[in-house]
N, C-alpha and C. Protein backbone atom coordinates (compact mmCIF):
# COMPACT_ATOMS: atom_id res chain seq x y z
N UNK A 1 1.24 -0.74 0.04
CA UNK A 1 -0.12 -0.10 0.01
C UNK A 1 0.82 1.29 -0.08
N UNK A 2 0.08 2.13 -1.02
CA UNK A 2 1.24 3.33 -1.30
C UNK A 2 0.19 4.82 -0.57
N UNK A 3 0.81 5.53 -0.11
CA UNK A 3 0.21 6.47 0.58
C UNK A 3 0.99 7.78 0.04
N UNK A 4 0.22 8.51 -0.81
CA UNK A 4 0.97 10.16 -1.49
C UNK A 4 0.49 10.95 -1.09
N UNK A 5 1.28 11.89 -0.47
CA UNK A 5 0.48 13.51 0.02
C UNK A 5 0.98 14.60 -0.60
N UNK A 6 0.43 15.63 -0.55
CA UNK A 6 0.51 17.11 -1.04
C UNK A 6 2.35 17.24 -0.16
N UNK A 7 2.76 17.19 0.78
CA UNK A 7 3.73 17.27 1.94
C UNK A 7 4.78 16.74 1.15
N UNK A 8 4.44 14.94 0.87
CA UNK A 8 5.54 14.47 -0.09
C UNK A 8 5.81 15.00 -1.58
N UNK A 9 5.25 15.59 -2.06
CA UNK A 9 5.56 15.72 -3.45
C UNK A 9 6.39 17.81 -2.93
N UNK A 10 5.49 18.00 -1.98
CA UNK A 10 6.46 19.43 -2.09
C UNK A 10 7.93 18.97 -1.68
N UNK A 11 7.99 18.01 -0.51
CA UNK A 11 9.34 17.74 -0.20
C UNK A 11 10.12 17.02 -1.23
N UNK A 12 9.31 16.64 -2.00
CA UNK A 12 11.01 16.05 -3.34
C UNK A 12 10.65 16.80 -4.24
N UNK A 13 9.58 17.76 -4.27
CA UNK A 13 10.19 18.85 -5.55
C UNK A 13 11.17 20.06 -4.75
N UNK A 14 11.70 20.06 -3.64
CA UNK A 14 12.45 21.05 -2.64
C UNK A 14 13.81 19.96 -2.72
N UNK A 15 13.84 18.85 -2.50
CA UNK A 15 14.98 17.66 -2.69
C UNK A 15 15.36 17.94 -3.98
N UNK A 16 14.60 18.03 -4.86
CA UNK A 16 15.05 17.52 -6.47
C UNK A 16 15.60 18.46 -6.96
N UNK A 17 13.97 19.35 -7.18
CA UNK A 17 15.03 21.00 -7.67
C UNK A 17 15.40 21.13 -9.23
N UNK A 18 13.99 19.95 -9.40
CA UNK A 18 14.56 19.89 -11.17
C UNK A 18 13.60 20.97 -12.30
N UNK A 19 12.49 22.43 -11.56
CA UNK A 19 12.99 23.41 -11.92
C UNK A 19 13.05 24.62 -11.67
N UNK A 20 13.05 25.32 -12.73
CA UNK A 20 13.17 26.60 -12.11
C UNK A 20 12.81 27.47 -10.86
N UNK A 21 11.41 27.46 -10.42
CA UNK A 21 10.84 27.67 -9.17
C UNK A 21 11.72 27.71 -8.17
N UNK A 22 11.73 25.74 -8.31
CA UNK A 22 12.26 25.31 -6.69
C UNK A 22 14.12 25.52 -7.23
N UNK A 23 14.80 25.90 -7.71
CA UNK A 23 15.72 25.78 -7.93
C UNK A 23 16.83 27.40 -7.49
N UNK A 24 15.37 28.24 -7.54
CA UNK A 24 15.65 29.30 -6.68
C UNK A 24 15.20 29.89 -5.47
N UNK A 25 15.08 28.73 -4.76
CA UNK A 25 14.57 29.03 -3.56
C UNK A 25 15.54 29.01 -2.90
N UNK A 26 16.80 29.17 -2.82
CA UNK A 26 17.67 29.06 -1.93
C UNK A 26 17.66 28.15 -1.10
N UNK A 27 18.28 28.35 0.32
CA UNK A 27 18.92 27.34 0.89
C UNK A 27 18.20 27.60 2.48
N UNK A 28 17.36 28.71 2.43
CA UNK A 28 17.15 29.03 3.83
C UNK A 28 15.59 29.58 3.50
N UNK A 29 14.96 28.53 4.38
CA UNK A 29 13.50 28.27 5.07
C UNK A 29 12.96 29.00 6.04
N UNK A 30 12.33 30.11 5.74
CA UNK A 30 10.85 30.04 6.56
C UNK A 30 9.75 29.23 6.92
N UNK A 31 9.19 28.85 7.42
CA UNK A 31 8.75 27.76 7.86
C UNK A 31 7.27 28.07 8.39
N UNK A 32 5.55 28.49 7.99
CA UNK A 32 4.39 28.79 7.98
C UNK A 32 3.28 27.30 8.01
N UNK A 33 3.48 27.22 9.59
CA UNK A 33 2.59 25.63 10.04
C UNK A 33 2.87 24.93 11.51
N UNK A 34 1.68 24.45 11.75
CA UNK A 34 2.16 24.26 13.12
C UNK A 34 3.47 23.11 12.95
N UNK A 35 3.99 23.51 14.93
CA UNK A 35 5.59 22.15 14.63
C UNK A 35 5.37 20.84 13.89
N UNK A 36 3.95 19.90 14.41
CA UNK A 36 4.26 18.79 13.91
C UNK A 36 4.41 18.31 12.39
N UNK A 37 3.85 19.73 11.54
CA UNK A 37 4.36 20.01 10.17
C UNK A 37 5.47 19.98 10.19
N UNK A 38 6.59 20.21 10.57
CA UNK A 38 7.71 20.28 10.50
C UNK A 38 8.53 18.94 10.03
N UNK A 39 8.29 17.99 9.89
CA UNK A 39 8.73 16.79 9.26
C UNK A 39 9.28 17.33 8.17
N UNK A 40 8.77 18.00 7.44
CA UNK A 40 8.62 18.20 6.18
C UNK A 40 9.45 18.29 5.30
N UNK A 41 10.41 19.24 6.43
CA UNK A 41 11.88 19.76 6.09
C UNK A 41 12.83 18.47 6.31
N UNK A 42 12.37 17.29 6.72
CA UNK A 42 13.28 16.34 7.01
C UNK A 42 14.38 15.71 6.09
N UNK A 43 15.50 16.47 6.08
CA UNK A 43 16.58 14.69 5.02
C UNK A 43 16.47 16.38 4.01
N UNK A 44 16.39 17.53 4.35
CA UNK A 44 16.43 18.65 3.52
C UNK A 44 17.73 19.39 3.21
N UNK A 45 18.27 19.62 2.06
CA UNK A 45 19.33 20.90 2.92
C UNK A 45 19.28 22.14 2.85
N UNK A 46 18.41 22.41 3.91
CA UNK A 46 17.71 23.19 4.08
C UNK A 46 18.13 23.69 5.64
N UNK A 47 18.22 24.82 5.76
CA UNK A 47 18.19 25.80 7.40
C UNK A 47 17.00 26.42 7.52
N UNK A 48 16.21 26.33 8.49
CA UNK A 48 15.51 26.75 9.28
C UNK A 48 15.32 28.09 9.71
N UNK A 49 15.21 29.29 9.62
CA UNK A 49 15.66 30.49 10.24
C UNK A 49 13.96 31.21 10.72
N UNK A 50 13.87 31.69 11.77
CA UNK A 50 13.03 32.15 12.80
C UNK A 50 13.05 33.99 11.94
N UNK A 51 13.86 34.04 11.35
CA UNK A 51 12.76 35.42 11.00
C UNK A 51 13.06 35.77 9.45
N UNK A 52 11.90 36.26 9.27
CA UNK A 52 11.73 36.04 7.42
C UNK A 52 12.90 36.84 6.57
N UNK A 53 13.56 38.03 7.42
CA UNK A 53 14.42 38.56 6.62
C UNK A 53 15.53 37.91 6.38
N UNK A 54 15.82 36.82 7.08
CA UNK A 54 16.79 36.03 6.60
C UNK A 54 16.77 35.29 5.90
N UNK A 55 15.30 34.63 5.22
CA UNK A 55 14.90 33.55 4.47
C UNK A 55 15.30 33.72 3.15
N UNK A 56 14.97 32.18 2.48
CA UNK A 56 15.31 32.95 1.01
C UNK A 56 13.85 32.25 0.06
N UNK A 57 13.56 31.55 0.93
CA UNK A 57 11.78 30.88 0.49
C UNK A 57 10.84 30.36 1.94
N UNK A 58 10.16 30.73 1.87
CA UNK A 58 8.82 30.05 2.34
C UNK A 58 8.57 29.16 1.38
N UNK A 59 8.24 28.18 3.41
CA UNK A 59 7.27 26.76 2.89
C UNK A 59 5.81 27.27 3.97
N UNK A 60 4.99 26.95 3.18
CA UNK A 60 3.52 26.80 4.11
C UNK A 60 2.72 25.67 3.94
N UNK A 61 2.54 24.99 4.97
CA UNK A 61 2.13 23.75 5.71
C UNK A 61 0.97 23.42 6.30
N UNK A 62 0.36 24.77 6.56
CA UNK A 62 -0.82 25.14 7.31
C UNK A 62 -1.82 23.82 7.96
N UNK A 63 -2.04 23.07 8.45
CA UNK A 63 -2.59 21.62 8.36
C UNK A 63 -4.33 22.13 8.63
N UNK A 64 -4.91 23.17 9.34
CA UNK A 64 -6.53 22.93 8.76
C UNK A 64 -6.66 23.01 10.39
N UNK A 65 -6.18 23.66 11.06
CA UNK A 65 -6.48 23.54 12.94
C UNK A 65 -7.50 24.65 13.28
N UNK A 66 -6.84 25.69 12.96
CA UNK A 66 -7.33 27.39 13.57
C UNK A 66 -8.16 27.69 12.19
N UNK A 67 -9.57 28.44 13.09
CA UNK A 67 -9.80 29.06 11.95
C UNK A 67 -9.95 30.67 11.88
N UNK A 68 -8.70 31.04 12.32
CA UNK A 68 -8.16 32.25 12.09
C UNK A 68 -7.94 32.67 10.40
N UNK A 69 -7.97 33.83 9.78
CA UNK A 69 -7.80 34.12 9.03
C UNK A 69 -6.92 34.94 8.53
N UNK A 70 -6.01 35.28 7.35
CA UNK A 70 -4.63 34.80 6.93
C UNK A 70 -4.29 36.46 7.78
N UNK A 71 -5.13 37.40 8.11
CA UNK A 71 -4.83 38.23 8.13
C UNK A 71 -3.96 39.05 9.07
N UNK A 72 -3.15 38.12 10.11
CA UNK A 72 -2.65 38.43 11.29
C UNK A 72 -1.71 38.52 10.87
N UNK A 73 -1.09 37.53 9.57
CA UNK A 73 0.09 37.53 9.04
C UNK A 73 0.40 38.51 7.88
N UNK A 74 -0.94 39.58 7.53
CA UNK A 74 -0.68 40.23 7.00
C UNK A 74 1.17 41.04 6.78
N UNK A 75 1.88 41.68 8.11
CA UNK A 75 2.20 42.63 7.26
C UNK A 75 3.84 41.84 7.66
N UNK A 76 3.64 40.00 8.11
CA UNK A 76 5.59 39.64 7.78
C UNK A 76 4.79 38.89 6.37
N UNK A 77 4.00 38.76 5.93
CA UNK A 77 3.80 38.33 4.13
C UNK A 77 4.49 39.45 3.06
N UNK A 78 4.00 40.79 4.03
CA UNK A 78 3.42 41.92 3.08
C UNK A 78 5.29 42.17 3.21
N UNK A 79 6.35 41.57 4.19
CA UNK A 79 7.83 41.95 4.42
C UNK A 79 8.47 40.69 3.04
N UNK A 80 7.60 39.26 3.64
CA UNK A 80 7.87 38.24 2.32
C UNK A 80 8.11 39.15 0.81
N UNK A 81 7.02 39.46 0.30
CA UNK A 81 6.40 40.18 -0.42
C UNK A 81 7.86 41.38 -0.91
N UNK A 82 8.47 42.23 0.15
CA UNK A 82 9.11 43.15 -0.13
C UNK A 82 10.48 42.40 -0.60
N UNK A 83 10.80 40.73 -0.11
CA UNK A 83 11.47 40.08 -0.18
C UNK A 83 11.83 39.59 -1.63
N UNK A 84 10.94 39.36 -2.37
CA UNK A 84 10.43 38.62 -3.13
C UNK A 84 11.26 37.53 -2.99
N UNK A 85 10.16 37.00 -1.79
CA UNK A 85 10.46 35.68 -1.66
C UNK A 85 9.84 34.50 -1.87
N UNK A 86 9.88 33.37 -3.03
CA UNK A 86 9.09 32.40 -3.49
C UNK A 86 8.21 32.11 -2.17
N UNK A 87 6.65 31.14 -2.14
CA UNK A 87 6.58 30.15 -1.01
C UNK A 87 6.01 28.66 -2.40
N UNK A 88 6.31 27.85 -1.35
CA UNK A 88 6.01 26.38 -1.44
C UNK A 88 4.96 26.22 -1.16
N UNK A 89 3.71 25.73 -1.34
CA UNK A 89 2.33 25.26 -0.56
C UNK A 89 1.88 24.42 -0.71
N UNK A 90 2.40 23.39 0.47
CA UNK A 90 2.24 22.09 0.49
C UNK A 90 1.24 21.74 0.90
N UNK A 91 -0.07 22.19 0.38
CA UNK A 91 -1.62 21.76 0.57
C UNK A 91 -2.42 23.03 -0.24
N UNK A 92 -2.63 22.59 -0.82
CA UNK A 92 -3.66 23.61 -1.90
C UNK A 92 -4.71 23.94 -1.51
N UNK A 93 -5.55 23.19 -0.37
CA UNK A 93 -6.94 23.53 0.55
C UNK A 93 -7.10 24.80 0.97
N UNK A 94 -8.17 25.25 0.92
CA UNK A 94 -8.80 26.10 1.06
C UNK A 94 -9.16 26.24 2.61
N UNK A 95 -10.32 25.08 2.44
CA UNK A 95 -10.30 24.96 4.16
C UNK A 95 -10.63 23.33 3.82
N UNK A 96 -10.80 22.45 5.29
CA UNK A 96 -10.55 21.53 5.17
C UNK A 96 -11.70 21.30 6.89
N UNK A 97 -12.67 20.27 6.51
CA UNK A 97 -13.69 19.53 7.72
C UNK A 97 -13.13 19.14 8.41
N UNK A 98 -13.04 19.22 10.32
CA UNK A 98 -12.94 18.45 10.95
C UNK A 98 -14.20 18.21 11.45
N UNK A 99 -14.43 16.98 11.75
CA UNK A 99 -16.11 16.61 12.18
C UNK A 99 -16.66 17.66 11.72
N UNK A 100 -18.19 18.64 12.90
CA UNK A 100 -18.87 19.39 12.12
C UNK A 100 -17.96 20.74 12.00
N UNK A 101 -16.50 20.95 12.10
CA UNK A 101 -15.90 22.61 12.26
C UNK A 101 -15.05 22.27 10.90
N UNK A 102 -15.06 23.45 10.42
CA UNK A 102 -14.12 24.15 8.53
C UNK A 102 -13.17 25.14 9.24
N UNK A 103 -11.78 24.81 8.97
CA UNK A 103 -10.90 25.63 9.38
C UNK A 103 -10.28 26.12 7.56
N UNK A 104 -9.35 26.98 7.86
CA UNK A 104 -8.80 27.72 7.05
C UNK A 104 -7.31 26.63 6.84
N UNK A 105 -6.94 26.21 5.65
CA UNK A 105 -5.70 25.51 5.47
C UNK A 105 -4.96 26.18 4.87
N UNK A 106 -3.40 25.71 4.06
CA UNK A 106 -2.33 26.05 3.17
C UNK A 106 -2.90 27.25 1.94
N UNK A 107 -3.83 26.41 1.60
CA UNK A 107 -4.10 27.31 0.47
C UNK A 107 -4.61 28.62 0.08
N UNK A 108 -5.10 28.31 1.71
CA UNK A 108 -5.77 29.93 1.71
C UNK A 108 -4.99 31.20 1.76
N UNK A 109 -3.55 30.36 2.53
CA UNK A 109 -2.57 31.60 2.66
C UNK A 109 -1.69 32.19 1.54
N UNK A 110 -1.53 30.39 1.05
CA UNK A 110 -0.98 30.51 -0.45
C UNK A 110 -1.85 31.69 -1.39
N UNK A 111 -3.18 31.71 -1.84
CA UNK A 111 -3.60 32.94 -2.29
C UNK A 111 -3.98 33.75 -1.90
N UNK A 112 -4.11 34.18 -0.11
CA UNK A 112 -3.65 35.49 0.35
C UNK A 112 -2.12 35.54 0.12
N UNK A 113 -0.94 35.05 -0.18
CA UNK A 113 -0.05 35.41 -0.92
C UNK A 113 0.16 36.10 -2.50
N UNK A 114 -0.73 35.01 -2.81
CA UNK A 114 -0.11 35.57 -3.78
C UNK A 114 -1.15 36.39 -4.56
N UNK A 115 -2.52 37.33 -3.97
CA UNK A 115 -3.33 38.19 -4.49
C UNK A 115 -2.64 39.61 -4.27
N UNK A 116 -1.52 39.61 -2.80
CA UNK A 116 -0.90 40.20 -2.99
C UNK A 116 0.67 40.71 -3.40
N UNK A 117 0.73 39.29 -4.61
CA UNK A 117 1.68 39.74 -5.38
C UNK A 117 2.72 38.92 -4.89
N UNK A 118 2.82 38.18 -4.55
CA UNK A 118 4.13 36.82 -4.36
C UNK A 118 3.89 35.37 -5.43
N UNK A 119 5.58 34.70 -5.41
CA UNK A 119 5.15 33.54 -6.12
C UNK A 119 4.67 32.34 -5.10
N UNK A 120 4.30 31.59 -5.98
CA UNK A 120 4.35 30.40 -4.97
C UNK A 120 3.51 29.26 -6.00
N UNK A 121 4.50 28.54 -5.45
CA UNK A 121 4.14 27.29 -6.23
C UNK A 121 3.26 26.21 -5.59
N UNK A 122 2.22 25.55 -5.84
CA UNK A 122 0.99 24.37 -5.50
C UNK A 122 1.68 23.16 -5.99
N UNK A 123 1.53 21.98 -4.51
CA UNK A 123 1.64 20.59 -4.19
C UNK A 123 0.59 20.19 -4.11
N UNK A 124 -0.19 18.98 -4.97
CA UNK A 124 -0.91 18.61 -4.01
C UNK A 124 -2.02 19.07 -4.85
N UNK A 125 -3.44 17.88 -5.00
CA UNK A 125 -4.97 18.66 -5.90
C UNK A 125 -5.38 19.69 -5.54
N UNK A 126 -5.51 20.56 -7.22
CA UNK A 126 -5.90 19.47 -8.20
C UNK A 126 -4.42 19.60 -8.83
N UNK A 127 -3.22 19.58 -8.86
CA UNK A 127 -1.98 20.65 -9.87
C UNK A 127 -1.44 18.72 -10.20
N UNK A 128 -1.52 18.28 -11.67
CA UNK A 128 -1.21 16.90 -11.91
C UNK A 128 -0.03 15.94 -11.27
N UNK A 129 0.87 17.29 -10.29
CA UNK A 129 2.00 16.00 -10.42
C UNK A 129 1.57 15.20 -9.49
N UNK A 130 1.38 15.07 -8.22
CA UNK A 130 0.70 14.10 -7.34
C UNK A 130 -0.05 13.17 -7.97
N UNK A 131 -0.89 13.70 -9.03
CA UNK A 131 -1.73 12.44 -9.43
C UNK A 131 -1.02 11.50 -10.35
N UNK A 132 0.17 11.54 -10.84
CA UNK A 132 1.33 11.42 -11.29
C UNK A 132 2.12 10.62 -10.69
N UNK A 133 2.53 10.87 -9.52
CA UNK A 133 3.17 9.81 -8.14
C UNK A 133 1.79 9.02 -8.35
N UNK A 134 1.09 8.80 -7.88
CA UNK A 134 -0.01 8.11 -7.38
C UNK A 134 -0.30 7.10 -8.23
N UNK A 135 -0.60 7.46 -9.82
CA UNK A 135 -0.54 6.41 -10.94
C UNK A 135 1.02 5.82 -11.07
N UNK A 136 1.99 6.56 -10.96
CA UNK A 136 3.23 5.65 -11.41
C UNK A 136 3.62 4.35 -10.12
N UNK A 137 2.91 4.40 -8.64
CA UNK A 137 2.83 3.52 -7.71
C UNK A 137 1.94 2.85 -7.80
N UNK A 138 0.45 3.29 -8.41
CA UNK A 138 -0.36 2.05 -8.88
C UNK A 138 0.26 1.43 -9.71
N UNK A 139 0.99 1.53 -10.21
CA UNK A 139 2.19 1.09 -12.46
C UNK A 139 1.48 1.61 -13.72
N UNK A 140 0.61 2.41 -13.42
CA UNK A 140 -0.03 2.98 -14.31
C UNK A 140 -0.90 2.55 -14.65
N UNK A 141 -1.75 2.44 -14.29
CA UNK A 141 -3.18 1.23 -14.37
C UNK A 141 -3.84 2.03 -15.75
N UNK A 142 -5.07 1.29 -16.81
CA UNK A 142 -5.80 1.95 -17.52
C UNK A 142 -6.70 3.48 -16.48
N UNK A 143 -5.83 4.50 -17.10
CA UNK A 143 -7.00 5.69 -16.15
C UNK A 143 -8.88 4.72 -16.07
N UNK A 144 -9.01 4.08 -17.43
CA UNK A 144 -10.51 3.61 -16.87
C UNK A 144 -10.59 3.07 -15.52
N UNK A 145 -9.77 2.97 -14.51
CA UNK A 145 -9.37 1.80 -13.64
C UNK A 145 -9.42 2.69 -12.37
N UNK A 146 -9.11 3.92 -12.58
CA UNK A 146 -8.60 5.05 -11.73
C UNK A 146 -10.04 5.64 -11.36
N UNK A 147 -9.90 5.70 -9.79
CA UNK A 147 -11.31 6.98 -9.36
C UNK A 147 -10.43 7.96 -8.05
N UNK A 148 -11.26 8.69 -8.16
CA UNK A 148 -10.70 9.90 -6.85
C UNK A 148 -11.81 10.21 -6.47
N UNK A 149 -11.49 10.17 -4.49
CA UNK A 149 -13.07 10.99 -4.15
C UNK A 149 -12.64 11.42 -3.05
N UNK A 150 -13.52 12.53 -3.09
CA UNK A 150 -13.31 13.58 -2.04
C UNK A 150 -14.49 14.64 -1.96
N UNK A 151 -14.40 15.77 -1.05
CA UNK A 151 -15.27 16.51 -0.88
C UNK A 151 -15.62 17.74 -1.34
N UNK A 152 -14.61 18.27 -1.93
CA UNK A 152 -14.04 19.26 -2.89
C UNK A 152 -13.94 19.65 -4.54
N UNK A 153 -15.09 20.44 -4.73
CA UNK A 153 -15.48 20.07 -6.33
C UNK A 153 -13.96 20.91 -7.02
N UNK A 154 -13.56 21.11 -5.98
CA UNK A 154 -11.99 23.05 -6.90
C UNK A 154 -11.13 21.99 -6.56
N UNK A 155 -10.56 21.09 -5.83
CA UNK A 155 -9.88 20.53 -6.03
C UNK A 155 -10.04 18.64 -5.87
N UNK A 156 -10.79 18.04 -5.22
CA UNK A 156 -10.47 16.59 -5.45
C UNK A 156 -10.88 16.29 -7.36
N UNK A 157 -12.61 16.86 -7.35
CA UNK A 157 -13.03 16.47 -9.20
C UNK A 157 -12.52 17.43 -9.44
N UNK A 158 -11.81 18.73 -9.60
CA UNK A 158 -10.95 19.64 -10.77
C UNK A 158 -9.80 18.45 -11.37
N UNK A 159 -9.18 18.35 -9.65
CA UNK A 159 -7.65 17.49 -10.10
C UNK A 159 -7.92 16.06 -11.27
N UNK A 160 -9.02 15.43 -10.71
CA UNK A 160 -10.14 14.51 -11.12
C UNK A 160 -10.61 14.71 -12.84
N UNK A 161 -10.75 16.08 -13.12
CA UNK A 161 -11.42 15.76 -14.38
C UNK A 161 -10.04 16.11 -15.29
N UNK A 162 -8.36 17.22 -15.01
CA UNK A 162 -7.66 17.22 -15.11
C UNK A 162 -6.85 16.15 -16.04
N UNK A 163 -6.72 15.51 -14.80
CA UNK A 163 -5.86 14.14 -14.89
C UNK A 163 -6.48 12.72 -15.64
N UNK A 164 -7.98 13.14 -16.14
CA UNK A 164 -8.95 11.82 -16.94
C UNK A 164 -9.26 10.84 -16.51
N UNK A 165 -9.45 11.17 -14.78
CA UNK A 165 -10.23 10.02 -14.28
C UNK A 165 -11.85 10.23 -13.79
N UNK A 166 -12.21 9.34 -13.34
CA UNK A 166 -13.55 9.43 -12.86
C UNK A 166 -13.21 10.49 -11.27
N UNK A 167 -14.25 11.25 -10.77
CA UNK A 167 -14.26 11.59 -9.64
C UNK A 167 -15.89 11.55 -8.86
N UNK A 168 -15.78 10.68 -7.51
CA UNK A 168 -16.94 10.36 -6.59
C UNK A 168 -16.88 11.94 -6.35
N UNK A 169 -17.65 12.82 -5.62
CA UNK A 169 -18.18 14.13 -4.79
C UNK A 169 -18.82 13.56 -3.60
N UNK A 170 -17.69 13.46 -2.51
CA UNK A 170 -18.41 13.26 -1.21
C UNK A 170 -18.80 14.10 -0.71
N UNK A 171 -20.33 14.04 -0.44
CA UNK A 171 -21.26 15.44 -0.49
C UNK A 171 -21.13 15.52 1.07
N UNK A 172 -20.69 14.91 1.45
CA UNK A 172 -19.87 14.79 3.02
C UNK A 172 -19.18 15.69 3.82
N UNK A 173 -18.56 16.80 3.61
CA UNK A 173 -17.29 17.67 3.49
C UNK A 173 -17.46 18.99 3.74
N UNK A 174 -16.42 19.71 2.75
CA UNK A 174 -16.56 21.28 2.72
C UNK A 174 -17.94 21.85 2.43
N UNK A 175 -18.91 20.88 1.25
CA UNK A 175 -19.90 21.86 1.30
C UNK A 175 -21.64 21.72 1.33
N UNK A 176 -20.95 20.49 2.24
CA UNK A 176 -22.03 19.63 3.12
C UNK A 176 -23.33 20.84 3.17
N UNK A 177 -22.65 22.07 4.22
CA UNK A 177 -23.92 23.18 4.00
C UNK A 177 -24.97 23.55 3.09
N UNK A 178 -23.86 23.44 2.25
CA UNK A 178 -24.96 24.03 0.40
C UNK A 178 -25.52 22.74 0.28
N UNK A 179 -25.23 21.45 0.69
CA UNK A 179 -26.15 20.69 -0.31
C UNK A 179 -27.51 20.17 0.50
N UNK A 180 -27.75 20.25 1.53
CA UNK A 180 -28.71 19.61 3.03
C UNK A 180 -29.52 20.09 3.07
N UNK A 181 -31.17 19.75 3.03
CA UNK A 181 -32.34 20.08 2.84
C UNK A 181 -32.11 21.33 4.48
N UNK A 182 -33.07 22.60 4.04
CA UNK A 182 -33.27 23.61 4.96
C UNK A 182 -33.47 22.91 7.07
N UNK A 183 -35.24 22.76 6.57
CA UNK A 183 -35.58 21.56 7.96
C UNK A 183 -35.42 19.97 7.97
N UNK A 184 -34.03 19.33 7.32
CA UNK A 184 -33.48 18.13 7.51
C UNK A 184 -32.50 18.04 7.12
N UNK A 185 -31.09 19.03 7.98
CA UNK A 185 -29.72 18.65 7.68
C UNK A 185 -29.30 17.73 7.64
N UNK A 186 -29.82 17.00 8.03
CA UNK A 186 -28.83 15.30 7.92
C UNK A 186 -29.07 14.60 6.82
N UNK A 187 -29.66 15.79 5.74
CA UNK A 187 -29.85 14.20 4.61
C UNK A 187 -29.46 15.61 3.58
N UNK A 188 -29.11 14.91 2.40
CA UNK A 188 -28.86 15.77 1.16
C UNK A 188 -29.82 15.90 0.55
N UNK A 189 -30.19 17.60 -0.56
CA UNK A 189 -31.19 17.51 -1.44
C UNK A 189 -30.25 17.43 -2.46
N UNK A 190 -31.09 16.56 -3.48
CA UNK A 190 -30.40 16.14 -4.52
C UNK A 190 -30.62 17.37 -5.70
N UNK A 191 -31.49 18.68 -5.01
CA UNK A 191 -31.38 19.51 -6.49
C UNK A 191 -30.47 20.45 -6.14
N UNK A 192 -30.62 20.99 -4.56
CA UNK A 192 -29.21 21.62 -4.12
C UNK A 192 -27.98 21.19 -4.97
N UNK A 193 -27.63 19.78 -4.81
CA UNK A 193 -26.52 19.07 -5.37
C UNK A 193 -26.17 19.42 -6.71
N UNK A 194 -27.12 19.28 -7.36
CA UNK A 194 -27.56 19.99 -9.06
C UNK A 194 -27.16 20.98 -9.13
N UNK A 195 -27.96 21.97 -8.48
CA UNK A 195 -27.54 23.20 -8.81
C UNK A 195 -25.98 23.57 -8.41
N UNK A 196 -25.59 23.12 -7.34
CA UNK A 196 -23.59 23.38 -6.80
C UNK A 196 -23.27 23.11 -8.15
N UNK A 197 -23.06 21.83 -8.54
CA UNK A 197 -22.65 20.88 -9.55
C UNK A 197 -22.68 22.42 -10.84
N UNK A 198 -24.00 22.82 -11.68
CA UNK A 198 -23.96 23.26 -12.34
C UNK A 198 -23.38 24.59 -12.57
N UNK A 199 -23.57 25.06 -10.89
CA UNK A 199 -23.05 26.63 -10.54
C UNK A 199 -21.15 26.31 -10.86
N UNK A 200 -20.73 25.17 -11.40
CA UNK A 200 -18.97 25.49 -11.28
C UNK A 200 -18.76 24.76 -12.03
N UNK A 201 -17.16 24.36 -13.11
CA UNK A 201 -17.12 23.78 -14.25
C UNK A 201 -16.23 22.40 -13.53
N UNK A 202 -16.75 21.79 -12.94
CA UNK A 202 -15.52 20.53 -12.96
C UNK A 202 -16.95 19.55 -12.35
N UNK A 203 -17.22 18.75 -13.00
CA UNK A 203 -18.21 17.63 -13.05
C UNK A 203 -17.65 16.25 -11.86
N UNK A 204 -18.25 16.19 -11.64
CA UNK A 204 -17.98 14.50 -11.08
C UNK A 204 -18.73 13.17 -11.53
N UNK A 205 -18.23 12.38 -11.72
CA UNK A 205 -18.78 10.70 -12.67
C UNK A 205 -19.94 10.74 -11.58
N UNK A 206 -19.45 10.67 -10.19
CA UNK A 206 -21.12 10.51 -9.36
C UNK A 206 -21.10 11.13 -8.27
N UNK A 207 -21.78 10.83 -7.22
CA UNK A 207 -21.76 11.47 -5.78
C UNK A 207 -21.30 10.58 -5.01
N UNK A 208 -21.74 10.56 -3.73
CA UNK A 208 -21.74 9.47 -2.65
C UNK A 208 -21.91 10.68 -1.07
N UNK A 209 -22.42 10.23 -0.02
CA UNK A 209 -23.04 10.73 0.99
C UNK A 209 -22.34 9.69 2.38
N UNK A 210 -20.95 10.58 2.44
CA UNK A 210 -20.51 9.69 4.04
C UNK A 210 -19.40 8.52 3.08
N UNK A 211 -18.36 8.14 3.76
CA UNK A 211 -17.57 7.36 3.44
C UNK A 211 -16.98 6.64 4.66
N UNK A 212 -16.93 4.93 4.51
CA UNK A 212 -16.22 4.57 5.88
C UNK A 212 -15.77 3.27 5.21
N UNK A 213 -14.71 2.99 6.23
CA UNK A 213 -13.93 1.76 6.00
C UNK A 213 -12.97 1.01 6.90
C-alpha cells in the first residue's frame, strides 16, 4: 500500500529541484505551519530560520486546525513580498472539515500571498504532479480503472477532471451546508447538489454521502 501526500510532493520538489522555481528558492526556509508539520523539512539541505529577513523562501504547511484568517500574518507576508520570497505551498486546500467544524488550510494563506503579488508553487490536488506520483505508484494502470474520491469540487473533482479519471464527489465535507435540506440538515437535497455542481466547471462522475472503511 502506498500513501502519497501533498506534503511529500512538496518535499520532493524542494529536494530534487528539477524546475527553475524550486532551484531559485535557495537554502534558507521560513516555515509557516504548526510544529508537527515541520517534518516536511527532514532530510532537506535547507536551514530553518526564525526571521523572515533571513529567509530565501517560505514553506507553507498550515494543516487546517485554526479558524483564524490570514490577516494576522499580513505584515510578515508583506515583508516577504518586499523581499521577493517564493512560497512553496504543501497543501492547496483552502479549507478542511474536521467533524462539524471548518478550518482554513495552507491554500488560503497561499492564495492570500499570491493575491498580494507573491510567487507560489502549489503541490497536491488539483495539480497533476501528485496524481502522476500516485498513478506511477499503482503501476500506471489504465485510467478507466482509477477513481478519485473527495469532498471538494475545486480540488478533488477538478484534479480528477484534469487527470482524465472518474471523480466521486463526497457530499459529506466542505460543501455539506450547501446541499442539505433546510429543515432536514442530516440529509442531502439532490436538487441543491445538482445546482451546486451546475454552477461551477468541475463535473463529478458520481456523488456519495459519507465514506467508511
